[in-house]
Amino acid sequence: MTKPPLLAPPPQSRGGGRPSKYDPAFCDQVVELMKEGLSFAAVAGALGVSRDTIYEWAEAHPEFSDTKKIGKAVSQLFWERQLIAIARGLVVGSPTTAVIFGLKNRADLDWRDKTEVKHEGGMPVINITPEESRL
């Protein structure tokens, strides 16, 4: 008894409108651009698409979603190296504030000011910044 031939799945329809500009080759470009400290949204501009489009690609294409995560990590690496260079006195003018701002915006899980205090038993959750805790 022979098995029936396997049929290829039908192509997924995107509905009406223009075809996607997505190209898997963008993955390498994203990582290279973010190595320079750029944000994922800035990469959209470099690729000539909108911020919404680049985020839609990350939702629709698993390899692009992984690339976004790698890009965020290499962007954080760029900004942390800048901060280390400042701490070592290797950067003229010490743009510490700009670098910290870059880290807070690109690596918010590791570099944020927000402190969370959670209480059990019906007590409210209080979120304060370190500046507020000094008052």
Protein backbone atom coordinates (compact mmCIF):
# COMPACT_ATOMS: atom_id res chain seq x y z
CA MET A 1 0.00 0.00 0.00
CA THR A 2 1.44 3.35 -1.00
CA LYS A 3 1.02 6.55 0.93
CA PRO A 4 -0.63 9.52 -0.74
CA PRO A 5 1.82 12.25 -1.78
CA LEU A 6 2.36 15.05 0.71
CA LEU A 7 0.82 18.29 -0.35
CA ALA A 8 2.48 21.60 0.34
CA PRO A 9 0.39 23.87 2.56
CA PRO A 10 -1.29 26.70 0.68
CA PRO A 11 0.54 30.02 0.91
CA GLN A 12 -0.68 32.21 3.73
CA SER A 13 -2.76 35.08 2.54
CA ARG A 14 -2.03 38.49 4.01
CA GLY A 15 -5.28 39.86 2.74
CA GLY A 16 -5.44 42.87 0.48
CA GLY A 17 -2.83 45.53 0.19
CA ARG A 18 0.82 45.66 -0.71
CA PRO A 19 3.13 42.70 -0.20
CA SER A 20 5.44 42.86 2.83
CA LYS A 21 8.86 44.44 2.41
CA TYR A 22 10.23 41.94 4.92
CA ASP A 23 13.46 40.22 3.89
CA PRO A 24 15.25 37.66 6.12
CA ALA A 25 18.50 39.46 5.21
CA PHE A 26 17.30 42.30 7.46
CA CYS A 27 18.21 40.15 10.48
CA ASP A 28 21.95 40.71 9.95
CA GLN A 29 21.41 44.43 9.32
CA VAL A 30 19.41 44.82 12.53
CA VAL A 31 22.16 43.30 14.66
CA GLU A 32 24.88 45.36 12.97
CA LEU A 33 22.94 48.61 13.45
CA MET A 34 22.08 47.87 17.06
CA LYS A 35 25.76 47.09 17.79
CA GLU A 36 26.23 50.84 17.34
CA GLY A 37 23.78 51.49 20.20
CA LEU A 38 20.71 52.21 18.08
CA SER A 39 17.25 51.34 19.32
CA PHE A 40 15.00 48.88 17.50
CA ALA A 41 12.78 51.78 16.42
CA ALA A 42 15.79 53.65 14.98
CA VAL A 43 16.62 50.54 12.96
CA ALA A 44 13.18 50.88 11.35
CA GLY A 45 14.26 54.26 10.01
CA ALA A 46 17.53 52.82 8.72
CA LEU A 47 15.59 50.10 6.89
CA GLY A 48 13.17 52.65 5.47
CA VAL A 49 10.05 51.37 7.23
CA SER A 50 7.87 52.59 10.06
CA ARG A 51 8.20 51.62 13.69
CA ASP A 52 4.87 49.78 13.47
CA THR A 53 6.12 47.75 10.50
CA ILE A 54 9.29 46.56 12.20
CA TYR A 55 7.33 45.49 15.28
CA GLU A 56 4.81 43.67 13.05
CA TRP A 57 7.70 41.79 11.43
CA ALA A 58 8.92 40.74 14.87
CA GLU A 59 5.44 39.35 15.61
CA ALA A 60 5.09 37.57 12.26
CA HIS A 61 8.60 36.15 11.77
CA PRO A 62 10.17 34.13 14.62
CA GLU A 63 13.71 34.63 13.28
CA PHE A 64 13.17 38.38 13.26
CA SER A 65 11.80 38.26 16.81
CA ASP A 66 14.99 36.47 17.89
CA THR A 67 17.03 39.08 16.02
CA LYS A 68 15.23 41.85 17.91
CA LYS A 69 16.23 40.23 21.22
CA ILE A 70 19.84 39.81 20.11
CA GLY A 71 19.82 43.40 18.88
CA LYS A 72 18.62 44.68 22.25
CA ALA A 73 21.42 42.74 23.95
CA VAL A 74 24.16 44.09 21.67
CA SER A 75 22.77 47.61 22.02
CA GLN A 76 22.95 47.26 25.80
CA LEU A 77 26.52 45.99 25.44
CA PHE A 78 27.41 49.11 23.44
CA TRP A 79 25.98 51.44 26.10
CA GLU A 80 27.54 49.56 29.02
CA ARG A 81 30.95 49.70 27.31
CA GLN A 82 30.48 53.45 26.89
CA LEU A 83 29.79 53.77 30.61
CA ILE A 84 32.86 51.68 31.47
CA ALA A 85 35.00 53.89 29.22
CA ILE A 86 33.70 56.98 31.03
CA ALA A 87 34.41 55.39 34.42
CA ARG A 88 37.98 54.67 33.31
CA GLY A 89 38.45 58.26 32.15
CA LEU A 90 38.81 57.25 28.51
CA VAL A 91 36.06 59.55 27.21
CA VAL A 92 36.67 63.27 26.96
CA GLY A 93 33.82 65.39 28.31
CA SER A 94 32.28 62.56 30.34
CA PRO A 95 28.81 62.28 28.74
CA THR A 96 27.70 60.12 31.67
CA THR A 97 24.14 61.40 31.70
CA ALA A 98 23.63 60.63 28.00
CA VAL A 99 24.97 57.09 28.44
CA ILE A 100 22.83 56.41 31.50
CA PHE A 101 19.81 57.74 29.60
CA GLY A 102 20.67 55.36 26.75
CA LEU A 103 20.89 52.42 29.14
CA LYS A 104 17.64 53.25 30.91
CA ASN A 105 15.82 53.37 27.59
CA ARG A 106 17.40 50.36 25.90
CA ALA A 107 18.02 48.10 28.89
CA ASP A 108 15.13 49.06 31.14
CA LEU A 109 14.98 45.71 32.93
CA ASP A 110 18.56 46.08 34.16
CA TRP A 111 18.94 49.87 34.34
CA ARG A 112 15.82 51.43 35.81
CA ASP A 113 15.21 53.72 38.76
CA LYS A 114 11.85 52.25 39.69
CA THR A 115 11.73 50.35 42.97
CA GLU A 116 8.80 48.09 43.71
CA VAL A 117 7.73 47.32 47.26
CA LYS A 118 5.00 44.71 47.58
CA HIS A 119 3.08 44.01 50.75
CA GLU A 120 0.79 41.07 51.43
CA GLY A 121 -2.48 41.17 53.36
CA GLY A 122 -4.37 43.91 51.57
CA MET A 123 -1.69 46.55 51.82
CA PRO A 124 -1.30 48.71 48.71
CA VAL A 125 1.66 48.28 46.39
CA ILE A 126 3.92 51.33 46.50
CA ASN A 127 6.12 52.19 43.55
CA ILE A 128 8.68 54.91 44.19
CA THR A 129 11.82 56.15 42.53
CA PRO A 130 15.09 56.42 44.48
CA GLU A 131 14.70 60.21 44.40
CA GLU A 132 11.28 59.96 46.07
CA SER A 133 12.66 57.65 48.77
CA ARG A 134 15.09 60.41 49.89
CA LEU A 135 12.25 62.80 50.76
